[in-house]
Amino acid sequence: MLVIRADLVDAMVAHARADHPDEACGIIAGPEGSDRPERFVAMVNAERSPTFYRFDSGEQLRVWRAMDDADEVPVVIYHSHTATEAYPSRTDISYAAEPDAHYVLVSTRDPREHELRSYRIVDGEVTEEPVRIVDSY
């Protein structure tokens, strides 16, 4: 189960809405050894595409180094789908390289409402998990 603060959900949704019609992407870092997302990091979709996302390699290197320096890990890796449901595509699954991360998808296909779902993706196997949104930890 992903337990996440409402302000972090709001930040992901706001980023997804701001980048629409392109997919948005980023991470939420948390303390190493913890499953608690804490620090929101909106990243650039290097593809600038409505159907695909890829972290900019230079930005990703800087973000991952900063996490290492702070003893953090990517607790959540998120991106948006602009025209489809919040379910990982084959490409999303093939690029999932963090087996301990929660992969959160936000669908912005409806301009009035968003759909947010979370998955574990390990060795190409996708498992949806419940999401519990809380005010604070």
C-alpha atoms as a PDB file:
ATOM      1  CA  MET A   1       0.000   0.000   0.000  1.00  0.00           C
ATOM      2  CA  LEU A   2       1.162   3.513  -0.797  1.00  0.00           C
ATOM      3  CA  VAL A   3       0.551   5.952   2.048  1.00  0.00           C
ATOM      4  CA  ILE A   4       1.094   9.483   0.799  1.00  0.00           C
ATOM      5  CA  ARG A   5       0.359  13.012   2.004  1.00  0.00           C
ATOM      6  CA  ALA A   6      -2.374  14.966   0.262  1.00  0.00           C
ATOM      7  CA  ASP A   7      -0.002  17.870  -0.516  1.00  0.00           C
ATOM      8  CA  LEU A   8       2.247  15.495  -2.466  1.00  0.00           C
ATOM      9  CA  VAL A   9      -0.734  14.153  -4.419  1.00  0.00           C
ATOM     10  CA  ASP A  10      -1.797  17.740  -5.129  1.00  0.00           C
ATOM     11  CA  ALA A  11       1.735  18.527  -6.374  1.00  0.00           C
ATOM     12  CA  MET A  12       1.757  15.542  -8.755  1.00  0.00           C
ATOM     13  CA  VAL A  13      -1.683  16.416 -10.122  1.00  0.00           C
ATOM     14  CA  ALA A  14      -0.743  20.102 -10.524  1.00  0.00           C
ATOM     15  CA  HIS A  15       2.419  19.125 -12.416  1.00  0.00           C
ATOM     16  CA  ALA A  16       0.430  16.749 -14.644  1.00  0.00           C
ATOM     17  CA  ARG A  17      -2.148  19.472 -15.383  1.00  0.00           C
ATOM     18  CA  ALA A  18       0.545  22.100 -16.051  1.00  0.00           C
ATOM     19  CA  ASP A  19       2.398  19.893 -18.567  1.00  0.00           C
ATOM     20  CA  HIS A  20      -0.769  18.641 -20.291  1.00  0.00           C
ATOM     21  CA  PRO A  21      -1.055  17.779 -23.190  1.00  0.00           C
ATOM     22  CA  ASP A  22       2.480  16.364 -22.716  1.00  0.00           C
ATOM     23  CA  GLU A  23       3.175  13.726 -20.099  1.00  0.00           C
ATOM     24  CA  ALA A  24       4.663  15.027 -16.843  1.00  0.00           C
ATOM     25  CA  CYS A  25       7.153  13.055 -14.765  1.00  0.00           C
ATOM     26  CA  GLY A  26       9.115  13.200 -11.548  1.00  0.00           C
ATOM     27  CA  ILE A  27       9.881  11.519  -8.263  1.00  0.00           C
ATOM     28  CA  ILE A  28       9.144  11.827  -4.591  1.00  0.00           C
ATOM     29  CA  ALA A  29      12.185  10.991  -2.513  1.00  0.00           C
ATOM     30  CA  GLY A  30      12.159   9.622   0.983  1.00  0.00           C
ATOM     31  CA  PRO A  31      14.616   8.444   3.640  1.00  0.00           C
ATOM     32  CA  GLU A  32      16.597   5.355   2.738  1.00  0.00           C
ATOM     33  CA  GLY A  33      15.077   2.312   4.412  1.00  0.00           C
ATOM     34  CA  SER A  34      11.694   4.018   4.621  1.00  0.00           C
ATOM     35  CA  ASP A  35       8.607   3.716   2.457  1.00  0.00           C
ATOM     36  CA  ARG A  36       7.505   7.274   3.201  1.00  0.00           C
ATOM     37  CA  PRO A  37       7.529   9.798   0.343  1.00  0.00           C
ATOM     38  CA  GLU A  38       8.729  13.204   1.569  1.00  0.00           C
ATOM     39  CA  ARG A  39      10.473  15.429  -1.021  1.00  0.00           C
ATOM     40  CA  PHE A  40       8.674  16.258  -4.280  1.00  0.00           C
ATOM     41  CA  VAL A  41      10.868  16.657  -7.365  1.00  0.00           C
ATOM     42  CA  ALA A  42       9.152  17.633 -10.620  1.00  0.00           C
ATOM     43  CA  MET A  43      11.375  16.666 -13.533  1.00  0.00           C
ATOM     44  CA  VAL A  44      11.473  17.499 -17.234  1.00  0.00           C
ATOM     45  CA  ASN A  45       9.997  15.092 -19.751  1.00  0.00           C
ATOM     46  CA  ALA A  46      12.896  15.008 -22.218  1.00  0.00           C
ATOM     47  CA  GLU A  47      10.552  13.623 -24.875  1.00  0.00           C
ATOM     48  CA  ARG A  48       8.031  16.485 -24.591  1.00  0.00           C
ATOM     49  CA  SER A  49       5.440  13.999 -25.789  1.00  0.00           C
ATOM     50  CA  PRO A  50       1.748  13.353 -25.064  1.00  0.00           C
ATOM     51  CA  THR A  51       2.341   9.591 -25.262  1.00  0.00           C
ATOM     52  CA  PHE A  52       5.788   8.941 -23.783  1.00  0.00           C
ATOM     53  CA  TYR A  53       8.056  10.191 -21.029  1.00  0.00           C
ATOM     54  CA  ARG A  54      11.757   9.952 -20.349  1.00  0.00           C
ATOM     55  CA  PHE A  55      13.770  11.684 -17.644  1.00  0.00           C
ATOM     56  CA  ASP A  56      16.455  14.010 -18.987  1.00  0.00           C
ATOM     57  CA  SER A  57      19.660  12.036 -18.357  1.00  0.00           C
ATOM     58  CA  GLY A  58      21.612  14.986 -16.929  1.00  0.00           C
ATOM     59  CA  GLU A  59      18.775  15.983 -14.629  1.00  0.00           C
ATOM     60  CA  GLN A  60      18.265  12.379 -13.540  1.00  0.00           C
ATOM     61  CA  LEU A  61      21.946  12.054 -12.676  1.00  0.00           C
ATOM     62  CA  ARG A  62      21.813  15.246 -10.573  1.00  0.00           C
ATOM     63  CA  VAL A  63      18.603  14.160  -8.798  1.00  0.00           C
ATOM     64  CA  TRP A  64      19.898  10.650  -8.042  1.00  0.00           C
ATOM     65  CA  ARG A  65      23.223  12.069  -6.752  1.00  0.00           C
ATOM     66  CA  ALA A  66      21.339  14.507  -4.509  1.00  0.00           C
ATOM     67  CA  MET A  67      19.277  11.599  -3.161  1.00  0.00           C
ATOM     68  CA  ASP A  68      22.472   9.620  -2.499  1.00  0.00           C
ATOM     69  CA  ASP A  69      24.001  12.600  -0.677  1.00  0.00           C
ATOM     70  CA  ALA A  70      20.858  12.952   1.471  1.00  0.00           C
ATOM     71  CA  ASP A  71      20.517   9.187   2.125  1.00  0.00           C
ATOM     72  CA  GLU A  72      17.257   9.168   0.170  1.00  0.00           C
ATOM     73  CA  VAL A  73      15.696   6.812  -2.354  1.00  0.00           C
ATOM     74  CA  PRO A  74      13.008   7.328  -5.012  1.00  0.00           C
ATOM     75  CA  VAL A  75       9.967   6.192  -3.026  1.00  0.00           C
ATOM     76  CA  VAL A  76       7.563   7.308  -5.781  1.00  0.00           C
ATOM     77  CA  ILE A  77       8.251   7.577  -9.491  1.00  0.00           C
ATOM     78  CA  TYR A  78       5.332   9.285 -11.163  1.00  0.00           C
ATOM     79  CA  HIS A  79       4.176  10.297 -14.582  1.00  0.00           C
ATOM     80  CA  SER A  80       0.951  11.235 -16.280  1.00  0.00           C
ATOM     81  CA  HIS A  81      -1.128   9.780 -19.071  1.00  0.00           C
ATOM     82  CA  THR A  82      -2.913  12.472 -21.021  1.00  0.00           C
ATOM     83  CA  ALA A  83      -5.432  10.471 -23.043  1.00  0.00           C
ATOM     84  CA  THR A  84      -5.611   7.044 -21.425  1.00  0.00           C
ATOM     85  CA  GLU A  85      -6.303   5.467 -18.051  1.00  0.00           C
ATOM     86  CA  ALA A  86      -3.714   5.509 -15.267  1.00  0.00           C
ATOM     87  CA  TYR A  87      -2.242   2.094 -16.113  1.00  0.00           C
ATOM     88  CA  PRO A  88       1.377   1.411 -17.096  1.00  0.00           C
ATOM     89  CA  SER A  89       2.043   1.008 -20.818  1.00  0.00           C
ATOM     90  CA  ARG A  90       4.401  -1.650 -22.164  1.00  0.00           C
ATOM     91  CA  THR A  91       7.083   1.033 -22.423  1.00  0.00           C
ATOM     92  CA  ASP A  92       6.465   2.135 -18.819  1.00  0.00           C
ATOM     93  CA  ILE A  93       6.875  -1.467 -17.699  1.00  0.00           C
ATOM     94  CA  SER A  94      10.054  -2.029 -19.710  1.00  0.00           C
ATOM     95  CA  TYR A  95      11.655   1.140 -18.250  1.00  0.00           C
ATOM     96  CA  ALA A  96      10.733   0.406 -14.618  1.00  0.00           C
ATOM     97  CA  ALA A  97      14.156   0.022 -13.021  1.00  0.00           C
ATOM     98  CA  GLU A  98      13.457   0.692  -9.331  1.00  0.00           C
ATOM     99  CA  PRO A  99      11.911  -2.480  -7.856  1.00  0.00           C
ATOM    100  CA  ASP A 100      11.254  -0.846  -4.469  1.00  0.00           C
ATOM    101  CA  ALA A 101       9.522   2.242  -5.875  1.00  0.00           C
ATOM    102  CA  HIS A 102       5.820   2.933  -6.089  1.00  0.00           C
ATOM    103  CA  TYR A 103       5.006   3.780  -9.708  1.00  0.00           C
ATOM    104  CA  VAL A 104       2.213   6.347  -9.606  1.00  0.00           C
ATOM    105  CA  LEU A 105       0.237   7.265 -12.688  1.00  0.00           C
ATOM    106  CA  VAL A 106      -2.010  10.290 -12.954  1.00  0.00           C
ATOM    107  CA  SER A 107      -4.470  10.413 -15.840  1.00  0.00           C
ATOM    108  CA  THR A 108      -5.426  13.903 -16.996  1.00  0.00           C
ATOM    109  CA  ARG A 109      -7.696  12.763 -19.821  1.00  0.00           C
ATOM    110  CA  ASP A 110     -10.701  14.301 -18.030  1.00  0.00           C
ATOM    111  CA  PRO A 111     -10.183  18.065 -17.594  1.00  0.00           C
ATOM    112  CA  ARG A 112     -12.381  18.147 -14.467  1.00  0.00           C
ATOM    113  CA  GLU A 113     -11.163  15.077 -12.593  1.00  0.00           C
ATOM    114  CA  HIS A 114      -7.948  13.128 -12.347  1.00  0.00           C
ATOM    115  CA  GLU A 115      -7.377   9.421 -11.865  1.00  0.00           C
ATOM    116  CA  LEU A 116      -4.450   8.395  -9.631  1.00  0.00           C
ATOM    117  CA  ARG A 117      -3.285   4.799  -9.249  1.00  0.00           C
ATOM    118  CA  SER A 118      -0.143   3.168  -7.860  1.00  0.00           C
ATOM    119  CA  TYR A 119       1.737   0.049  -8.920  1.00  0.00           C
ATOM    120  CA  ARG A 120       4.723  -2.050  -8.038  1.00  0.00           C
ATOM    121  CA  ILE A 121       6.627  -3.113 -11.146  1.00  0.00           C
ATOM    122  CA  VAL A 122       9.207  -5.850 -10.619  1.00  0.00           C
ATOM    123  CA  ASP A 123      10.795  -7.874 -13.423  1.00  0.00           C
ATOM    124  CA  GLY A 124       8.074  -6.806 -15.826  1.00  0.00           C
ATOM    125  CA  GLU A 125       5.246  -7.853 -13.508  1.00  0.00           C
ATOM    126  CA  VAL A 126       2.712  -5.143 -12.626  1.00  0.00           C
ATOM    127  CA  THR A 127       0.814  -5.255  -9.339  1.00  0.00           C
ATOM    128  CA  GLU A 128      -1.674  -2.523  -8.496  1.00  0.00           C
ATOM    129  CA  GLU A 129      -1.705  -1.437  -4.882  1.00  0.00           C
ATOM    130  CA  PRO A 130      -4.111   0.597  -2.778  1.00  0.00           C
ATOM    131  CA  VAL A 131      -3.387   4.287  -2.179  1.00  0.00           C
ATOM    132  CA  ARG A 132      -4.149   5.919   1.164  1.00  0.00           C
ATOM    133  CA  ILE A 133      -4.003   9.709   1.134  1.00  0.00           C
ATOM    134  CA  VAL A 134      -3.354  11.291   4.533  1.00  0.00           C
ATOM    135  CA  ASP A 135      -3.007  14.854   5.824  1.00  0.00           C
ATOM    136  CA  SER A 136       0.252  14.082   7.633  1.00  0.00           C
ATOM    137  CA  TYR A 137       2.438  11.125   8.628  1.00  0.00           C
END
